[in-house]
């Protein structure tokens, strides 16, 4: 009986430990509410959005979350800006996945942050994965 109990205990507690560690790591990240992009960068991102993204994300085509709706926002709150930019870079647009360059994905992320009411700052969001991984997406208070 002990042989079964110990592995089950380990399996049952592993997700809790992983979640606690992830939450602890996430707490040490910089918030996107501290001005992590510039207005000019968000404007470039808006132009890209109009050209590459609006046809699906303004209409909900094929189940795409609409920019600014609860589902879209909730998918990213608590994650990093890297998670958002990397999803754009590797998966968008849906009919041409992987065709959005990192720099454009970062500009698009800046536009999305602006639409989520994160305030702009004086420095552009860099297309540097190691920096983007240190910025958490939060809801404005």
Protein backbone atom coordinates (compact mmCIF):
# COMPACT_ATOMS: atom_id res chain seq x y z
CA UNK A 1 0.00 0.00 0.00
CA UNK A 2 2.85 2.43 0.79
CA UNK A 3 4.30 1.91 -2.69
CA UNK A 4 1.13 3.26 -4.30
CA UNK A 5 0.52 6.07 -1.79
CA UNK A 6 3.88 7.84 -2.19
CA UNK A 7 3.80 8.12 -6.02
CA UNK A 8 0.18 9.29 -5.86
CA UNK A 9 1.08 11.90 -3.25
CA UNK A 10 3.93 13.15 -5.45
CA UNK A 11 1.65 13.29 -8.51
CA UNK A 12 -1.07 15.08 -6.58
CA UNK A 13 1.22 17.78 -5.12
CA UNK A 14 3.45 18.43 -8.14
CA UNK A 15 0.97 20.79 -9.87
CA UNK A 16 0.53 22.76 -6.63
CA UNK A 17 4.27 23.14 -6.19
CA UNK A 18 4.71 24.10 -9.87
CA UNK A 19 1.91 26.68 -9.62
CA UNK A 20 3.37 28.15 -6.44
CA UNK A 21 6.81 28.43 -8.04
CA UNK A 22 5.35 30.01 -11.19
CA UNK A 23 3.39 32.53 -9.11
CA UNK A 24 6.51 33.35 -7.12
CA UNK A 25 8.54 33.88 -10.31
CA UNK A 26 5.70 35.92 -11.82
CA UNK A 27 5.63 38.21 -8.78
CA UNK A 28 9.23 39.24 -9.51
CA UNK A 29 8.40 40.45 -13.02
CA UNK A 30 7.99 44.06 -14.07
CA UNK A 31 4.40 45.08 -14.77
CA UNK A 32 3.34 46.29 -18.21
CA UNK A 33 1.64 49.13 -16.33
CA UNK A 34 5.05 50.79 -15.79
CA UNK A 35 5.32 52.23 -19.32
CA UNK A 36 7.06 49.52 -21.33
CA UNK A 37 6.29 50.76 -24.88
CA UNK A 38 6.07 54.11 -26.65
CA UNK A 39 3.14 55.79 -28.38
CA UNK A 40 5.03 55.68 -31.69
CA UNK A 41 5.57 51.94 -31.30
CA UNK A 42 1.88 51.35 -30.53
CA UNK A 43 0.98 53.41 -33.63
CA UNK A 44 3.23 51.21 -35.78
CA UNK A 45 1.56 48.20 -34.20
CA UNK A 46 -1.87 49.64 -35.00
CA UNK A 47 -0.92 49.98 -38.67
CA UNK A 48 0.26 46.35 -38.69
CA UNK A 49 -2.91 45.27 -36.89
CA UNK A 50 -5.08 46.96 -39.51
CA UNK A 51 -3.17 45.26 -42.32
CA UNK A 52 -2.55 41.79 -40.82
CA UNK A 53 -4.96 41.16 -37.95
CA UNK A 54 -8.20 43.15 -38.15
CA UNK A 55 -9.86 40.90 -40.70
CA UNK A 56 -10.11 38.15 -38.07
CA UNK A 57 -9.84 39.96 -34.72
CA UNK A 58 -12.33 42.74 -35.52
CA UNK A 59 -14.94 40.25 -36.74
CA UNK A 60 -14.35 37.16 -34.60
CA UNK A 61 -13.73 35.20 -37.81
CA UNK A 62 -13.17 31.48 -37.17
CA UNK A 63 -13.47 32.01 -33.43
CA UNK A 64 -10.67 34.59 -33.20
CA UNK A 65 -11.01 36.62 -30.00
CA UNK A 66 -11.96 40.22 -30.70
CA UNK A 67 -9.36 42.76 -29.68
CA UNK A 68 -10.35 44.23 -26.35
CA UNK A 69 -13.02 41.75 -25.37
CA UNK A 70 -12.83 39.83 -22.11
CA UNK A 71 -11.63 36.60 -23.71
CA UNK A 72 -8.78 38.34 -25.51
CA UNK A 73 -7.64 40.18 -22.40
CA UNK A 74 -8.06 37.24 -20.03
CA UNK A 75 -5.97 35.01 -22.28
CA UNK A 76 -2.91 37.15 -21.54
CA UNK A 77 -3.34 38.72 -18.10
CA UNK A 78 -0.73 37.23 -15.78
CA UNK A 79 1.42 36.01 -18.67
CA UNK A 80 4.48 37.77 -20.02
CA UNK A 81 4.73 40.09 -22.99
CA UNK A 82 7.00 37.42 -24.45
CA UNK A 83 4.06 34.96 -24.40
CA UNK A 84 1.96 37.45 -26.39
CA UNK A 85 4.68 38.47 -28.86
CA UNK A 86 5.80 34.87 -29.37
CA UNK A 87 2.25 33.74 -30.11
CA UNK A 88 1.95 36.49 -32.71
CA UNK A 89 5.36 35.65 -34.17
CA UNK A 90 4.84 31.89 -34.41
CA UNK A 91 1.09 31.58 -35.06
CA UNK A 92 -0.25 34.68 -36.78
CA UNK A 93 -1.88 35.36 -39.04
CA UNK A 94 -3.69 32.07 -38.82
CA UNK A 95 -3.58 31.52 -42.58
CA UNK A 96 0.16 32.28 -42.70
CA UNK A 97 1.58 31.21 -39.32
CA UNK A 98 5.15 32.16 -38.56
CA UNK A 99 5.29 34.99 -41.08
CA UNK A 100 5.21 37.88 -38.61
CA UNK A 101 8.79 39.00 -37.89
CA UNK A 102 9.79 39.44 -34.22
CA UNK A 103 10.07 43.22 -34.53
CA UNK A 104 6.55 43.45 -35.97
CA UNK A 105 5.22 41.03 -33.34
CA UNK A 106 6.69 43.31 -30.67
CA UNK A 107 5.08 46.39 -32.24
CA UNK A 108 1.77 44.51 -32.37
CA UNK A 109 2.20 43.58 -28.71
CA UNK A 110 2.73 47.29 -27.91
CA UNK A 111 -0.51 48.15 -29.73
CA UNK A 112 -2.38 45.40 -27.87
CA UNK A 113 -1.01 46.67 -24.53
CA UNK A 114 -2.26 50.15 -25.46
CA UNK A 115 -5.71 48.69 -26.16
CA UNK A 116 -5.60 47.00 -22.75
CA UNK A 117 -5.00 50.50 -21.27
CA UNK A 118 -1.40 49.90 -20.21
CA UNK A 119 0.21 53.35 -20.16
CA UNK A 120 2.98 54.21 -22.63
CA UNK A 121 6.49 55.12 -21.53
CA UNK A 122 9.64 56.70 -22.94
CA UNK A 123 11.36 53.52 -24.15
CA UNK A 124 10.25 51.13 -26.86
CA UNK A 125 9.48 47.55 -26.06
CA UNK A 126 12.53 45.74 -27.45
CA UNK A 127 12.24 42.71 -29.73
CA UNK A 128 14.44 40.85 -27.25
CA UNK A 129 12.95 37.65 -25.84
CA UNK A 130 14.99 37.85 -22.63
CA UNK A 131 13.54 41.32 -21.88
CA UNK A 132 9.98 40.45 -22.93
CA UNK A 133 10.08 37.46 -20.55
CA UNK A 134 10.57 39.86 -17.62
CA UNK A 135 7.39 41.90 -18.25
CA UNK A 136 4.08 40.65 -16.85
CA UNK A 137 0.74 41.68 -18.38
CA UNK A 138 -1.53 43.14 -15.68
CA UNK A 139 -4.98 44.67 -15.70
CA UNK A 140 -5.04 48.42 -15.08
CA UNK A 141 -6.33 49.32 -11.63
